[in-house]
Amino acid sequence: MPASVHPKAVLVAAKLPEVDATAFDASLDELARLVTTLGYSVVARISQARSHLAPAAVLGEGKLQELAELTEVLQTAQSQGARRLGGGEPG
């Protein structure tokens, strides 16, 4: 199955102080493998070091904005790709 047919996934993670960088990276790598096994294409990773998890949000406002912008870029690219594929065929 071509990569363009797979749904896209962005991995989002918060790194807490008690988790060392090697373990954190290994966990994200494992998550990426699991997500890929489910048929998704991992297109980005967003992570943020946090002192603790807040009840309202895992990520801070800046990282949430980064995620929103990335999502918009991915949706625009997907729409343009679909138009290119559809636009080149005879009607």
Protein backbone atom coordinates (compact mmCIF):
# COMPACT_ATOMS: atom_id res chain seq x y z
CA MET A 1 0.00 0.00 0.00
CA PRO A 2 1.55 3.38 -0.99
CA ALA A 3 2.49 5.72 1.87
CA SER A 4 0.11 8.38 0.51
CA VAL A 5 -2.87 6.13 1.28
CA HIS A 6 -1.99 5.71 4.95
CA PRO A 7 -3.64 8.06 7.43
CA LYS A 8 -1.14 10.44 8.97
CA ALA A 9 -0.22 10.56 12.65
CA VAL A 10 1.65 13.10 14.75
CA LEU A 11 3.18 11.72 17.95
CA VAL A 12 2.79 14.06 20.91
CA ALA A 13 4.67 13.48 24.17
CA ALA A 14 5.60 15.20 27.41
CA LYS A 15 8.98 14.42 28.97
CA LEU A 16 8.89 14.47 32.75
CA PRO A 17 12.05 14.98 34.87
CA GLU A 18 12.06 11.42 36.21
CA VAL A 19 12.39 9.96 32.69
CA ASP A 20 15.86 10.10 31.17
CA ALA A 21 16.33 11.14 27.54
CA THR A 22 17.29 7.65 26.34
CA ALA A 23 14.19 6.03 27.84
CA PHE A 24 12.00 8.85 26.51
CA ASP A 25 13.36 8.44 22.96
CA ALA A 26 12.99 4.65 23.17
CA SER A 27 9.35 5.04 24.26
CA LEU A 28 8.62 7.36 21.34
CA ASP A 29 10.33 4.96 18.94
CA GLU A 30 8.21 2.10 20.26
CA LEU A 31 5.05 4.21 19.95
CA ALA A 32 6.01 5.04 16.35
CA ARG A 33 6.37 1.33 15.57
CA LEU A 34 2.99 0.56 17.13
CA VAL A 35 1.28 3.38 15.24
CA THR A 36 2.89 2.20 11.99
CA THR A 37 1.69 -1.34 12.71
CA LEU A 38 -1.83 0.05 12.95
CA GLY A 39 -1.48 1.39 9.40
CA TYR A 40 -0.62 5.02 10.08
CA SER A 41 2.26 7.00 8.68
CA VAL A 42 4.09 8.95 11.41
CA VAL A 43 4.80 12.36 9.86
CA ALA A 44 6.05 14.29 12.89
CA ARG A 45 6.88 14.18 16.58
CA ILE A 46 6.19 17.01 19.00
CA SER A 47 7.56 16.76 22.51
CA GLN A 48 7.93 19.10 25.42
CA ALA A 49 9.83 18.85 28.70
CA ARG A 50 7.45 19.46 31.59
CA SER A 51 8.04 19.58 35.33
CA HIS A 52 4.66 17.88 35.84
CA LEU A 53 1.47 17.15 33.93
CA ALA A 54 -1.16 19.84 34.24
CA PRO A 55 -4.76 18.68 34.70
CA ALA A 56 -6.00 20.74 31.75
CA ALA A 57 -3.32 20.05 29.12
CA VAL A 58 -0.29 17.88 28.50
CA LEU A 59 1.37 20.51 26.30
CA GLY A 60 1.83 24.20 26.90
CA GLU A 61 0.26 26.89 24.76
CA GLY A 62 3.29 27.25 22.47
CA LYS A 63 3.46 23.53 21.66
CA LEU A 64 -0.30 23.42 21.12
CA GLN A 65 0.09 26.26 18.60
CA GLU A 66 2.94 24.35 16.91
CA LEU A 67 0.69 21.28 16.66
CA ALA A 68 -2.17 23.37 15.21
CA GLU A 69 0.13 24.89 12.58
CA LEU A 70 1.56 21.48 11.66
CA THR A 71 -1.95 20.04 11.31
CA GLU A 72 -2.96 22.91 9.03
CA VAL A 73 0.13 22.41 6.85
CA LEU A 74 -0.55 18.67 6.58
CA GLN A 75 -4.21 19.21 5.69
CA THR A 76 -3.28 21.78 3.02
CA ALA A 77 -0.67 19.45 1.51
CA GLN A 78 -3.16 16.59 1.49
CA SER A 79 -5.81 18.74 -0.21
CA GLN A 80 -3.36 19.97 -2.85
CA GLY A 81 -2.19 16.41 -3.51
CA ALA A 82 -5.77 15.22 -3.96
CA ARG A 83 -6.49 18.07 -6.38
CA ARG A 84 -3.36 17.27 -8.39
CA LEU A 85 -4.33 13.62 -8.64
CA GLY A 86 -7.91 14.39 -9.59
CA GLY A 87 -7.12 17.34 -11.86
CA GLY A 88 -4.89 15.38 -14.22
CA GLU A 89 -7.49 12.81 -15.23
CA PRO A 90 -9.79 13.31 -18.22
CA GLY A 91 -13.34 14.21 -17.28
